[in-house]
N, C-alpha and C. Protein backbone atom coordinates (compact mmCIF):
# COMPACT_ATOMS: atom_id res chain seq x y z
N MET A 1 1.88 15.60 18.82
CA MET A 1 2.40 15.19 17.52
C MET A 1 2.00 13.74 17.29
N SER A 2 1.48 13.47 16.10
CA SER A 2 1.02 12.12 15.83
C SER A 2 2.18 11.20 15.45
N LYS A 3 1.99 9.94 15.75
CA LYS A 3 3.00 8.94 15.41
C LYS A 3 2.63 8.37 14.04
N LYS A 4 3.63 8.26 13.16
CA LYS A 4 3.38 7.88 11.77
C LYS A 4 4.12 6.61 11.38
N LEU A 5 3.49 5.86 10.49
CA LEU A 5 4.08 4.66 9.92
C LEU A 5 3.95 4.73 8.41
N VAL A 6 5.00 4.35 7.71
CA VAL A 6 4.94 4.16 6.26
C VAL A 6 5.02 2.66 6.03
N ALA A 7 3.91 2.08 5.60
CA ALA A 7 3.84 0.65 5.28
C ALA A 7 3.75 0.54 3.77
N TYR A 8 4.50 -0.38 3.19
CA TYR A 8 4.51 -0.45 1.74
C TYR A 8 4.68 -1.89 1.25
N PHE A 9 4.13 -2.12 0.06
CA PHE A 9 4.36 -3.35 -0.69
C PHE A 9 5.06 -2.93 -1.97
N SER A 10 6.16 -3.58 -2.28
CA SER A 10 6.92 -3.25 -3.48
C SER A 10 7.28 -4.53 -4.21
N ALA A 11 6.83 -4.63 -5.44
CA ALA A 11 7.11 -5.84 -6.23
C ALA A 11 8.46 -5.75 -6.93
N SER A 12 8.86 -4.54 -7.33
CA SER A 12 10.10 -4.41 -8.10
C SER A 12 11.11 -3.44 -7.50
N GLY A 13 10.76 -2.81 -6.39
CA GLY A 13 11.68 -1.89 -5.73
C GLY A 13 11.32 -0.42 -5.88
N ASN A 14 10.49 -0.07 -6.84
CA ASN A 14 10.13 1.34 -7.05
C ASN A 14 9.36 1.92 -5.87
N THR A 15 8.38 1.18 -5.38
CA THR A 15 7.58 1.66 -4.25
C THR A 15 8.44 1.71 -2.99
N ALA A 16 9.33 0.76 -2.82
CA ALA A 16 10.22 0.74 -1.64
C ALA A 16 11.06 2.01 -1.60
N GLU A 17 11.57 2.42 -2.73
CA GLU A 17 12.41 3.63 -2.81
C GLU A 17 11.62 4.86 -2.36
N LEU A 18 10.38 4.99 -2.85
CA LEU A 18 9.54 6.12 -2.45
C LEU A 18 9.18 6.05 -0.97
N ALA A 19 8.89 4.83 -0.48
CA ALA A 19 8.51 4.65 0.92
C ALA A 19 9.64 5.11 1.84
N LYS A 20 10.85 4.79 1.51
CA LYS A 20 11.99 5.19 2.33
C LYS A 20 12.14 6.71 2.35
N LYS A 21 11.94 7.35 1.21
CA LYS A 21 12.03 8.81 1.14
C LYS A 21 10.91 9.45 1.97
N LEU A 22 9.70 8.89 1.86
CA LEU A 22 8.57 9.43 2.61
C LEU A 22 8.77 9.24 4.11
N ALA A 23 9.23 8.07 4.52
CA ALA A 23 9.46 7.80 5.94
C ALA A 23 10.48 8.79 6.52
N SER A 24 11.51 9.08 5.76
CA SER A 24 12.52 10.03 6.19
C SER A 24 11.92 11.43 6.31
N ALA A 25 11.19 11.85 5.28
CA ALA A 25 10.60 13.19 5.27
C ALA A 25 9.56 13.37 6.37
N ALA A 26 8.82 12.31 6.69
CA ALA A 26 7.74 12.39 7.67
C ALA A 26 8.18 12.00 9.08
N SER A 27 9.45 11.66 9.24
CA SER A 27 9.95 11.14 10.52
C SER A 27 9.06 9.99 11.00
N ALA A 28 8.80 9.08 10.07
CA ALA A 28 7.90 7.95 10.32
C ALA A 28 8.69 6.65 10.38
N ASP A 29 8.10 5.68 11.05
CA ASP A 29 8.65 4.33 11.04
C ASP A 29 8.35 3.70 9.68
N LEU A 30 9.10 2.66 9.34
CA LEU A 30 8.96 2.00 8.04
C LEU A 30 8.64 0.53 8.24
N TYR A 31 7.69 0.02 7.46
CA TYR A 31 7.29 -1.39 7.56
C TYR A 31 7.03 -1.92 6.15
N GLU A 32 7.67 -3.03 5.80
CA GLU A 32 7.46 -3.63 4.50
C GLU A 32 6.36 -4.69 4.59
N ILE A 33 5.36 -4.55 3.74
CA ILE A 33 4.29 -5.55 3.61
C ILE A 33 4.82 -6.60 2.65
N ARG A 34 5.07 -7.81 3.18
CA ARG A 34 5.67 -8.85 2.35
C ARG A 34 4.73 -10.04 2.22
N PRO A 35 4.64 -10.61 1.02
CA PRO A 35 3.84 -11.82 0.87
C PRO A 35 4.56 -13.03 1.46
N ALA A 36 3.80 -13.99 1.96
CA ALA A 36 4.40 -15.23 2.50
C ALA A 36 5.20 -15.92 1.41
N VAL A 37 4.69 -15.89 0.19
CA VAL A 37 5.39 -16.45 -0.96
C VAL A 37 5.78 -15.27 -1.86
N PRO A 38 7.06 -14.94 -1.94
CA PRO A 38 7.48 -13.79 -2.75
C PRO A 38 7.06 -13.94 -4.22
N TYR A 39 6.80 -12.81 -4.85
CA TYR A 39 6.43 -12.79 -6.26
C TYR A 39 7.68 -12.93 -7.12
N THR A 40 7.60 -13.78 -8.13
CA THR A 40 8.68 -13.91 -9.12
C THR A 40 8.34 -13.00 -10.30
N SER A 41 9.28 -12.82 -11.20
CA SER A 41 8.98 -12.01 -12.39
C SER A 41 7.87 -12.65 -13.22
N ALA A 42 7.82 -13.98 -13.25
CA ALA A 42 6.74 -14.67 -13.98
C ALA A 42 5.40 -14.40 -13.31
N ASP A 43 5.39 -14.33 -11.97
CA ASP A 43 4.15 -14.03 -11.24
C ASP A 43 3.62 -12.65 -11.57
N LEU A 44 4.52 -11.74 -11.90
CA LEU A 44 4.15 -10.34 -12.15
C LEU A 44 3.87 -10.03 -13.61
N ASP A 45 3.87 -11.03 -14.47
CA ASP A 45 3.62 -10.83 -15.90
C ASP A 45 2.14 -10.57 -16.14
N TRP A 46 1.77 -9.30 -16.14
CA TRP A 46 0.36 -8.92 -16.27
C TRP A 46 -0.23 -9.29 -17.63
N GLN A 47 0.62 -9.55 -18.60
CA GLN A 47 0.13 -9.93 -19.93
C GLN A 47 -0.27 -11.40 -20.00
N ASN A 48 0.14 -12.18 -19.01
CA ASN A 48 -0.21 -13.60 -18.93
C ASN A 48 -1.40 -13.74 -18.00
N LYS A 49 -2.55 -14.10 -18.53
CA LYS A 49 -3.77 -14.22 -17.73
C LYS A 49 -3.68 -15.31 -16.66
N GLN A 50 -2.69 -16.19 -16.78
CA GLN A 50 -2.51 -17.26 -15.79
C GLN A 50 -1.45 -16.93 -14.75
N SER A 51 -0.81 -15.77 -14.88
CA SER A 51 0.22 -15.40 -13.89
C SER A 51 -0.45 -15.16 -12.53
N ARG A 52 0.32 -15.31 -11.50
CA ARG A 52 -0.21 -15.16 -10.13
C ARG A 52 -0.88 -13.81 -9.93
N SER A 53 -0.23 -12.73 -10.36
CA SER A 53 -0.82 -11.41 -10.15
C SER A 53 -2.12 -11.25 -10.94
N SER A 54 -2.17 -11.77 -12.14
CA SER A 54 -3.39 -11.68 -12.96
C SER A 54 -4.53 -12.46 -12.31
N VAL A 55 -4.23 -13.65 -11.81
CA VAL A 55 -5.25 -14.48 -11.16
C VAL A 55 -5.76 -13.78 -9.90
N GLU A 56 -4.84 -13.25 -9.08
CA GLU A 56 -5.24 -12.55 -7.85
C GLU A 56 -6.09 -11.32 -8.16
N MET A 57 -5.69 -10.55 -9.14
CA MET A 57 -6.39 -9.31 -9.43
C MET A 57 -7.73 -9.52 -10.12
N SER A 58 -7.90 -10.66 -10.77
CA SER A 58 -9.20 -10.94 -11.39
C SER A 58 -10.21 -11.46 -10.37
N ASP A 59 -9.72 -11.83 -9.18
CA ASP A 59 -10.58 -12.30 -8.10
C ASP A 59 -10.45 -11.32 -6.93
N HIS A 60 -11.39 -10.37 -6.84
CA HIS A 60 -11.29 -9.32 -5.82
C HIS A 60 -11.39 -9.86 -4.39
N SER A 61 -11.76 -11.12 -4.23
CA SER A 61 -11.78 -11.70 -2.88
C SER A 61 -10.45 -12.37 -2.53
N SER A 62 -9.53 -12.37 -3.48
CA SER A 62 -8.20 -12.96 -3.24
C SER A 62 -7.49 -12.19 -2.13
N ARG A 63 -6.89 -12.93 -1.20
CA ARG A 63 -6.14 -12.31 -0.11
C ARG A 63 -4.84 -13.08 0.06
N PRO A 64 -3.79 -12.66 -0.65
CA PRO A 64 -2.49 -13.32 -0.50
C PRO A 64 -2.05 -13.31 0.96
N GLU A 65 -1.48 -14.40 1.39
CA GLU A 65 -1.01 -14.51 2.77
C GLU A 65 0.19 -13.61 2.99
N LEU A 66 0.22 -12.99 4.17
CA LEU A 66 1.33 -12.12 4.54
C LEU A 66 2.46 -12.92 5.17
N ALA A 67 3.69 -12.47 4.97
CA ALA A 67 4.85 -13.13 5.57
C ALA A 67 4.84 -12.97 7.08
N ASP A 68 4.32 -11.85 7.57
CA ASP A 68 4.22 -11.64 9.02
C ASP A 68 3.10 -10.64 9.29
N LYS A 69 2.73 -10.55 10.53
CA LYS A 69 1.73 -9.57 10.97
C LYS A 69 2.29 -8.86 12.20
N ASN A 70 3.50 -8.30 12.04
CA ASN A 70 4.24 -7.70 13.14
C ASN A 70 4.12 -6.18 13.23
N ALA A 71 3.35 -5.56 12.38
CA ALA A 71 3.21 -4.11 12.46
C ALA A 71 2.38 -3.76 13.70
N ASP A 72 2.89 -2.87 14.51
CA ASP A 72 2.19 -2.49 15.74
C ASP A 72 1.27 -1.31 15.43
N ILE A 73 0.23 -1.57 14.65
CA ILE A 73 -0.65 -0.53 14.13
C ILE A 73 -1.28 0.31 15.24
N ALA A 74 -1.57 -0.30 16.37
CA ALA A 74 -2.24 0.40 17.47
C ALA A 74 -1.46 1.63 17.94
N THR A 75 -0.16 1.66 17.75
CA THR A 75 0.66 2.77 18.25
C THR A 75 0.72 3.96 17.28
N TYR A 76 0.09 3.84 16.12
CA TYR A 76 0.17 4.90 15.11
C TYR A 76 -1.17 5.61 14.93
N ASP A 77 -1.09 6.90 14.64
CA ASP A 77 -2.27 7.69 14.32
C ASP A 77 -2.47 7.79 12.81
N THR A 78 -1.35 7.94 12.11
CA THR A 78 -1.36 8.09 10.66
C THR A 78 -0.53 6.97 10.04
N VAL A 79 -1.13 6.30 9.06
CA VAL A 79 -0.43 5.22 8.37
C VAL A 79 -0.45 5.52 6.87
N TYR A 80 0.72 5.74 6.33
CA TYR A 80 0.86 5.87 4.88
C TYR A 80 0.97 4.46 4.32
N ILE A 81 0.24 4.19 3.26
CA ILE A 81 0.32 2.86 2.64
C ILE A 81 0.67 3.03 1.18
N GLY A 82 1.78 2.41 0.79
CA GLY A 82 2.27 2.52 -0.58
C GLY A 82 2.21 1.19 -1.30
N PHE A 83 1.98 1.27 -2.60
CA PHE A 83 1.85 0.08 -3.42
C PHE A 83 1.97 0.44 -4.90
N PRO A 84 2.30 -0.55 -5.73
CA PRO A 84 2.22 -0.32 -7.17
C PRO A 84 0.75 -0.47 -7.59
N VAL A 85 0.30 0.36 -8.50
CA VAL A 85 -1.08 0.25 -9.00
C VAL A 85 -1.14 -0.95 -9.95
N TRP A 86 -2.03 -1.87 -9.65
CA TRP A 86 -2.28 -3.04 -10.52
C TRP A 86 -3.73 -3.00 -10.94
N TRP A 87 -3.99 -3.02 -12.21
CA TRP A 87 -5.36 -3.07 -12.74
C TRP A 87 -6.22 -1.95 -12.15
N TYR A 88 -5.65 -0.78 -12.02
CA TYR A 88 -6.33 0.44 -11.57
C TYR A 88 -6.77 0.40 -10.11
N ILE A 89 -6.22 -0.50 -9.33
CA ILE A 89 -6.49 -0.56 -7.89
C ILE A 89 -5.21 -1.02 -7.17
N ALA A 90 -5.30 -1.11 -5.86
CA ALA A 90 -4.18 -1.64 -5.08
C ALA A 90 -4.13 -3.15 -5.21
N PRO A 91 -2.95 -3.75 -5.20
CA PRO A 91 -2.86 -5.21 -5.21
C PRO A 91 -3.62 -5.78 -4.01
N THR A 92 -4.19 -6.95 -4.17
CA THR A 92 -5.02 -7.53 -3.10
C THR A 92 -4.23 -7.81 -1.82
N ILE A 93 -2.91 -7.84 -1.89
CA ILE A 93 -2.13 -8.00 -0.65
C ILE A 93 -2.32 -6.79 0.28
N ILE A 94 -2.68 -5.65 -0.28
CA ILE A 94 -2.98 -4.48 0.56
C ILE A 94 -4.26 -4.74 1.35
N ASN A 95 -5.25 -5.37 0.73
CA ASN A 95 -6.45 -5.77 1.47
C ASN A 95 -6.08 -6.75 2.58
N SER A 96 -5.20 -7.70 2.27
CA SER A 96 -4.75 -8.66 3.29
C SER A 96 -4.16 -7.91 4.49
N PHE A 97 -3.32 -6.94 4.21
CA PHE A 97 -2.69 -6.14 5.27
C PHE A 97 -3.73 -5.39 6.09
N LEU A 98 -4.62 -4.67 5.42
CA LEU A 98 -5.62 -3.89 6.13
C LEU A 98 -6.53 -4.76 6.99
N GLU A 99 -6.88 -5.92 6.48
CA GLU A 99 -7.79 -6.82 7.20
C GLU A 99 -7.11 -7.55 8.36
N SER A 100 -5.80 -7.44 8.46
CA SER A 100 -5.06 -8.10 9.54
C SER A 100 -4.94 -7.25 10.80
N TYR A 101 -5.39 -6.01 10.74
CA TYR A 101 -5.25 -5.08 11.86
C TYR A 101 -6.54 -4.27 12.02
N ASP A 102 -6.62 -3.57 13.15
CA ASP A 102 -7.73 -2.66 13.40
C ASP A 102 -7.27 -1.24 13.10
N PHE A 103 -7.81 -0.66 12.05
CA PHE A 103 -7.45 0.70 11.65
C PHE A 103 -8.50 1.72 12.07
N SER A 104 -9.44 1.33 12.93
CA SER A 104 -10.49 2.25 13.38
C SER A 104 -9.88 3.52 13.96
N GLY A 105 -10.40 4.66 13.50
CA GLY A 105 -9.93 5.94 14.01
C GLY A 105 -8.60 6.40 13.45
N LYS A 106 -8.01 5.63 12.57
CA LYS A 106 -6.71 5.98 11.98
C LYS A 106 -6.90 6.73 10.66
N LYS A 107 -5.91 7.52 10.32
CA LYS A 107 -5.87 8.17 9.02
C LYS A 107 -4.92 7.36 8.16
N ILE A 108 -5.39 6.91 7.01
CA ILE A 108 -4.57 6.17 6.05
C ILE A 108 -4.40 7.06 4.83
N ILE A 109 -3.15 7.32 4.49
CA ILE A 109 -2.84 8.14 3.32
C ILE A 109 -2.15 7.25 2.30
N LEU A 110 -2.75 7.14 1.13
CA LEU A 110 -2.22 6.27 0.09
C LEU A 110 -1.19 7.00 -0.78
N PHE A 111 -0.18 6.24 -1.19
CA PHE A 111 0.74 6.70 -2.24
C PHE A 111 1.06 5.48 -3.09
N ALA A 112 1.40 5.72 -4.34
CA ALA A 112 1.57 4.58 -5.24
C ALA A 112 2.55 4.90 -6.35
N THR A 113 3.00 3.82 -6.97
CA THR A 113 3.79 3.91 -8.19
C THR A 113 2.96 3.31 -9.31
N SER A 114 3.15 3.83 -10.51
CA SER A 114 2.38 3.34 -11.64
C SER A 114 3.10 3.65 -12.94
N GLY A 115 2.92 2.76 -13.88
CA GLY A 115 3.48 2.96 -15.19
C GLY A 115 2.67 3.90 -16.05
N GLY A 116 1.52 4.34 -15.57
CA GLY A 116 0.73 5.25 -16.39
C GLY A 116 -0.67 5.55 -15.87
N SER A 117 -1.19 4.75 -14.97
CA SER A 117 -2.55 5.00 -14.48
C SER A 117 -2.52 5.68 -13.13
N GLY A 118 -3.66 6.24 -12.74
CA GLY A 118 -3.80 6.85 -11.43
C GLY A 118 -4.29 5.82 -10.42
N PHE A 119 -4.87 6.31 -9.32
CA PHE A 119 -5.36 5.42 -8.27
C PHE A 119 -6.57 4.61 -8.72
N GLY A 120 -7.28 5.09 -9.73
CA GLY A 120 -8.47 4.37 -10.16
C GLY A 120 -9.45 4.25 -9.00
N LYS A 121 -9.88 3.04 -8.71
CA LYS A 121 -10.86 2.80 -7.64
C LYS A 121 -10.19 2.26 -6.38
N ALA A 122 -8.96 2.66 -6.11
CA ALA A 122 -8.21 2.13 -4.97
C ALA A 122 -8.92 2.39 -3.64
N ILE A 123 -9.37 3.62 -3.41
CA ILE A 123 -10.03 3.91 -2.14
C ILE A 123 -11.31 3.11 -2.01
N GLN A 124 -12.11 3.11 -3.04
CA GLN A 124 -13.37 2.36 -3.04
C GLN A 124 -13.10 0.88 -2.76
N ASN A 125 -12.05 0.35 -3.34
CA ASN A 125 -11.72 -1.06 -3.20
C ASN A 125 -11.13 -1.40 -1.83
N LEU A 126 -10.51 -0.43 -1.16
CA LEU A 126 -9.86 -0.68 0.13
C LEU A 126 -10.75 -0.34 1.33
N SER A 127 -11.75 0.49 1.14
CA SER A 127 -12.56 0.98 2.26
C SER A 127 -13.16 -0.13 3.10
N SER A 128 -13.69 -1.16 2.48
CA SER A 128 -14.33 -2.24 3.26
C SER A 128 -13.30 -3.06 4.04
N SER A 129 -12.03 -2.96 3.68
CA SER A 129 -10.98 -3.70 4.39
C SER A 129 -10.46 -2.95 5.61
N ALA A 130 -10.84 -1.68 5.74
CA ALA A 130 -10.39 -0.87 6.89
C ALA A 130 -11.56 -0.06 7.44
N PRO A 131 -12.59 -0.75 7.95
CA PRO A 131 -13.75 -0.02 8.47
C PRO A 131 -13.34 0.89 9.63
N GLY A 132 -13.91 2.09 9.61
CA GLY A 132 -13.62 3.03 10.68
C GLY A 132 -12.39 3.88 10.45
N ALA A 133 -11.69 3.63 9.37
CA ALA A 133 -10.50 4.43 9.04
C ALA A 133 -10.87 5.50 8.02
N GLU A 134 -10.13 6.57 8.04
CA GLU A 134 -10.27 7.61 7.02
C GLU A 134 -9.17 7.35 5.99
N ILE A 135 -9.56 7.05 4.75
CA ILE A 135 -8.58 6.77 3.71
C ILE A 135 -8.52 7.97 2.78
N ILE A 136 -7.31 8.47 2.60
CA ILE A 136 -7.08 9.66 1.78
C ILE A 136 -6.19 9.30 0.60
N GLU A 137 -6.58 9.76 -0.57
CA GLU A 137 -5.78 9.56 -1.77
C GLU A 137 -4.63 10.55 -1.75
N GLY A 138 -3.41 10.02 -1.68
CA GLY A 138 -2.23 10.87 -1.69
C GLY A 138 -1.80 11.15 -3.12
N LYS A 139 -0.69 10.57 -3.52
CA LYS A 139 -0.14 10.82 -4.85
C LYS A 139 0.34 9.53 -5.50
N VAL A 140 0.24 9.50 -6.82
CA VAL A 140 0.84 8.44 -7.62
C VAL A 140 2.14 9.00 -8.19
N ASN A 141 3.21 8.23 -8.10
CA ASN A 141 4.54 8.66 -8.57
C ASN A 141 4.91 10.04 -8.03
N PRO A 142 4.88 10.19 -6.69
CA PRO A 142 5.14 11.51 -6.12
C PRO A 142 6.55 12.02 -6.38
N SER A 143 6.61 13.31 -6.70
CA SER A 143 7.90 13.99 -6.88
C SER A 143 8.47 14.29 -5.49
N ALA A 144 9.68 14.82 -5.44
CA ALA A 144 10.29 15.18 -4.16
C ALA A 144 9.41 16.21 -3.43
N LYS A 145 8.86 17.17 -4.18
CA LYS A 145 7.98 18.18 -3.59
C LYS A 145 6.70 17.53 -3.07
N ASP A 146 6.14 16.57 -3.83
CA ASP A 146 4.94 15.85 -3.40
C ASP A 146 5.20 15.06 -2.12
N ILE A 147 6.39 14.46 -2.02
CA ILE A 147 6.74 13.69 -0.83
C ILE A 147 6.76 14.60 0.40
N GLU A 148 7.28 15.81 0.24
CA GLU A 148 7.28 16.77 1.34
C GLU A 148 5.85 17.11 1.76
N LYS A 149 4.96 17.31 0.77
CA LYS A 149 3.55 17.63 1.08
C LYS A 149 2.87 16.44 1.76
N LEU A 150 3.13 15.24 1.29
CA LEU A 150 2.56 14.04 1.92
C LEU A 150 3.04 13.93 3.37
N ALA A 151 4.31 14.20 3.59
CA ALA A 151 4.91 14.07 4.92
C ALA A 151 4.24 15.02 5.92
N GLU A 152 3.72 16.12 5.43
CA GLU A 152 3.08 17.11 6.30
C GLU A 152 1.62 16.77 6.61
N MET A 153 1.06 15.81 5.89
CA MET A 153 -0.33 15.41 6.14
C MET A 153 -0.41 14.56 7.39
N ASN A 154 -1.35 14.85 8.24
CA ASN A 154 -1.63 13.99 9.40
C ASN A 154 -2.88 14.42 10.09
């Protein structure tokens, strides 16, 4: 039986709620991906081109600093990674997380929350940050039934 981790970044709490449900359904450990400097509501104002999130997302090389690097990735076979979809991709803090560990030989299953868009180019954008990993597109805004199906993936 593979060991599973649900790692997530949540700006407003929506992704955190799904991550907890998925971790329970998958009998997985839970890890919150946190920025060293928490995002404020002003930082998350996507309509303001000068907001922190807008600046980070317009620069694909942006790598927000993580609050910690305590996830014991080596002990897991399958890592679910959850995030809110920003600008049709994962927030660049997800790249920061992936680049902080060795995911070689691991299966990464993505799940996300979104106000209306799908994954867009999330896999394409994350692949170079996790060389040697298999990245699978899970679900955006998964229902309870979808969470059960995700939990069975490994």
